[in-house]
Protein backbone atom coordinates (compact mmCIF):
# COMPACT_ATOMS: atom_id res chain seq x y z
CA MET A 1 11.99 140.76 155.81
CA ASN A 2 10.90 141.27 153.28
CA ILE A 3 13.10 141.92 150.00
CA ASN A 4 12.01 146.39 149.24
CA LEU A 5 13.08 146.77 152.64
CA THR A 6 15.90 144.89 152.17
CA MET A 7 16.72 147.01 148.50
CA ILE A 8 16.18 150.24 150.46
CA SER A 9 18.69 148.82 152.93
CA GLN A 10 21.26 148.07 150.09
CA GLY A 11 20.73 151.70 148.36
CA ILE A 12 21.48 153.49 151.47
CA ALA A 13 24.10 151.46 152.32
CA PHE A 14 25.37 151.67 148.66
CA ALA A 15 24.61 155.22 148.91
CA ILE A 16 26.51 155.84 151.90
CA PHE A 17 29.47 154.03 150.44
CA ILE A 18 30.34 156.28 147.54
CA TRP A 19 29.98 158.90 149.71
CA PHE A 20 32.47 157.76 151.63
CA THR A 21 34.32 156.27 148.93
CA ALA A 22 34.25 160.01 147.11
CA SER A 23 34.75 162.49 149.62
CA PHE A 24 37.49 160.11 151.80
CA ILE A 25 39.53 157.66 149.42
CA TRP A 26 38.70 159.41 145.15
CA PRO A 27 39.99 162.49 147.10
CA PRO A 28 44.11 161.21 148.41
CA LEU A 29 43.58 158.63 144.72
CA LEU A 30 43.09 161.26 142.28
CA THR A 31 46.18 163.17 143.82
CA ALA A 32 48.94 160.94 143.90
CA ILE A 33 47.60 159.47 139.79
CA THR A 34 48.08 163.21 138.95
CA GLU A 35 51.46 162.87 140.78
CA ARG A 36 52.17 159.85 139.12
CA GLN A 37 51.33 161.63 135.50
CA LYS A 38 53.18 164.40 136.01
CA LYS A 39 55.97 162.24 137.18
CA ILE A 40 55.83 160.27 133.75
CA GLU A 41 55.16 163.52 131.37
CA GLU A 42 58.91 165.06 133.33
CA GLY A 43 60.27 161.64 132.78
CA LEU A 44 58.82 161.73 128.77
CA ALA A 45 60.44 165.27 128.79
CA ALA A 46 63.25 165.00 130.39
CA ALA A 47 64.54 161.40 127.75
CA GLU A 48 63.38 163.24 125.34
CA ARG A 49 66.20 166.39 126.39
CA SER A 50 68.26 163.86 126.56
CA LYS A 51 68.06 162.03 123.32
CA LYS A 52 68.40 166.13 121.59
CA ASP A 53 71.23 166.32 123.90
CA LEU A 54 72.71 163.43 122.67
CA GLU A 55 72.20 164.24 119.00
CA LEU A 56 73.59 167.59 119.42
CA ALA A 57 76.81 166.13 121.46
CA GLN A 58 77.01 162.91 118.50
CA THR A 59 77.36 166.09 115.89
CA ARG A 60 79.32 168.17 117.51
CA SER A 61 81.77 165.46 118.13
CA THR A 62 81.73 164.53 114.26
CA ASP A 63 82.60 167.92 113.29
CA THR A 64 85.31 168.12 116.16
CA LEU A 65 86.58 164.71 114.11
CA ARG A 66 86.33 166.34 110.74
CA GLU A 67 87.75 169.11 111.93
CA ALA A 68 91.13 167.42 113.81
CA ARG A 69 91.65 164.81 110.67
CA GLU A 70 91.56 168.76 108.72
CA LYS A 71 93.89 169.64 110.89
CA ALA A 72 95.86 166.14 110.67
CA THR A 73 95.66 166.66 106.53
CA GLU A 74 96.74 169.82 106.69
CA MET A 75 99.73 169.78 109.13
CA ILE A 76 100.55 166.24 107.27
CA GLY A 77 100.75 167.72 103.86
CA GLY A 78 102.54 171.29 105.41
CA SER A 79 105.14 168.74 106.63
CA GLU A 80 105.39 167.46 103.15
CA ARG A 81 106.01 170.80 102.14
CA GLN A 82 108.73 171.84 103.96
CA ALA A 83 110.77 168.70 103.42
CA ALA A 84 110.37 169.24 100.34
CA HIS A 85 111.36 173.06 100.24
CA LEU A 86 114.01 171.62 102.14
CA LEU A 87 115.04 169.04 100.11
CA GLU A 88 115.14 171.05 97.39
CA GLU A 89 117.33 173.95 99.52
CA ALA A 90 119.89 170.33 100.07
CA ARG A 91 119.83 169.38 95.69
CA ALA A 92 120.52 173.70 95.05
CA GLU A 93 123.15 173.63 97.64
CA ALA A 94 124.93 170.65 97.18
CA ALA A 95 124.75 171.75 93.65
CA GLN A 96 126.07 174.95 94.36
CA ILE A 97 128.44 173.02 95.97
CA ILE A 98 129.93 170.76 93.64
CA ASN A 99 130.35 173.55 90.75
CA GLN A 100 132.53 175.31 93.43
CA ALA A 101 135.07 172.55 93.65
CA ARG A 102 134.15 171.93 89.60
CA VAL A 103 135.32 175.70 89.20
CA ALA A 104 138.40 175.42 91.93
CA ALA A 105 139.65 172.28 90.20
CA GLU A 106 139.25 174.10 86.09
CA GLY A 107 141.48 176.91 87.99
CA GLU A 108 144.20 174.16 90.12
CA ALA A 109 144.42 172.47 86.94
CA ALA A 110 144.47 175.13 84.32
CA VAL A 111 147.59 176.64 86.57
CA ALA A 112 148.87 173.29 86.61
CA ALA A 113 149.00 173.18 82.64
CA GLN A 114 150.40 176.81 82.97
CA ARG A 115 152.89 175.52 84.87
CA ALA A 116 154.10 172.12 83.28
CA LYS A 117 153.41 173.70 79.75
CA GLU A 118 156.59 176.61 81.51
CA ASN A 119 158.64 173.95 82.71
CA LEU A 120 158.07 171.91 79.29
CA ARG A 121 159.88 175.02 77.62
CA ASP A 122 162.18 175.22 79.32
CA GLN A 123 163.46 171.91 78.64
CA VAL A 124 162.58 173.03 75.31
CA ALA A 125 164.63 175.65 75.23
CA LEU A 126 166.94 173.79 76.91
CA LEU A 127 167.37 170.74 74.91
CA ALA A 128 167.31 173.01 71.81
CA VAL A 129 170.42 175.23 73.25
CA ALA A 130 172.23 171.86 73.81
CA GLY A 131 171.12 170.47 70.26
CA ALA A 132 172.57 173.87 68.67
CA GLU A 133 175.90 173.62 70.79
CA LYS A 134 176.25 169.84 69.29
CA ILE A 135 175.90 171.39 66.08
CA LEU A 136 177.56 174.66 66.15
CA ARG A 137 180.45 172.34 67.95
CA ARG A 138 181.44 174.72 70.15
CA GLU A 139 179.26 176.26 73.94
CA VAL A 140 176.50 178.73 73.59
CA ASN A 141 176.87 180.35 77.02
CA ALA A 142 173.25 180.88 77.28
CA GLN A 143 173.31 184.44 79.74
CA VAL A 144 174.80 186.33 76.47
CA HIS A 145 171.77 184.81 74.24
CA ALA A 146 169.07 185.06 77.11
CA GLU A 147 166.79 187.69 74.67
CA LEU A 148 167.24 185.18 71.82
CA LEU A 149 166.24 182.15 74.85
CA ALA A 150 163.27 184.35 75.54
CA SER A 151 161.72 184.78 72.17
CA LEU A 152 162.23 181.59 71.58
CA LYS A 153 160.50 180.04 74.61
CA SER A 154 157.31 182.60 73.54
CA GLU A 155 157.40 180.57 70.17
CA LEU A 156 156.82 177.29 72.16
């Protein structure tokens, strides 16, 4: 065999191989590679979207948590203010009741003192009459001298 004929036949076989590969093998391979690239791009885009969604969800959850804390703080403050207000109302009501009881007790004490003074006046008048009776050695009629005894009571 001739080396030239071997090289030419190998060249023709190689050209047929290239044509066959370019015609039948390369197009499906390129299609598969293109589809794979598209899937990878879609996956990367989906990952990017998921990352943005995650960041957005974290931001929302942080905002929601902050709002919940603010509301809780506000509710606690409101309940503390309400409790303080109720306590002040209870203290004011208790002070009012104490003052009313004090006024009533003072009134009762004044009435009791007045009664005691009247009783004391009556007793002093009786003692004065008894003393005058002993001094005069005669009986003094309380009914006859009622006007004198009334003036004596008012002086005492």
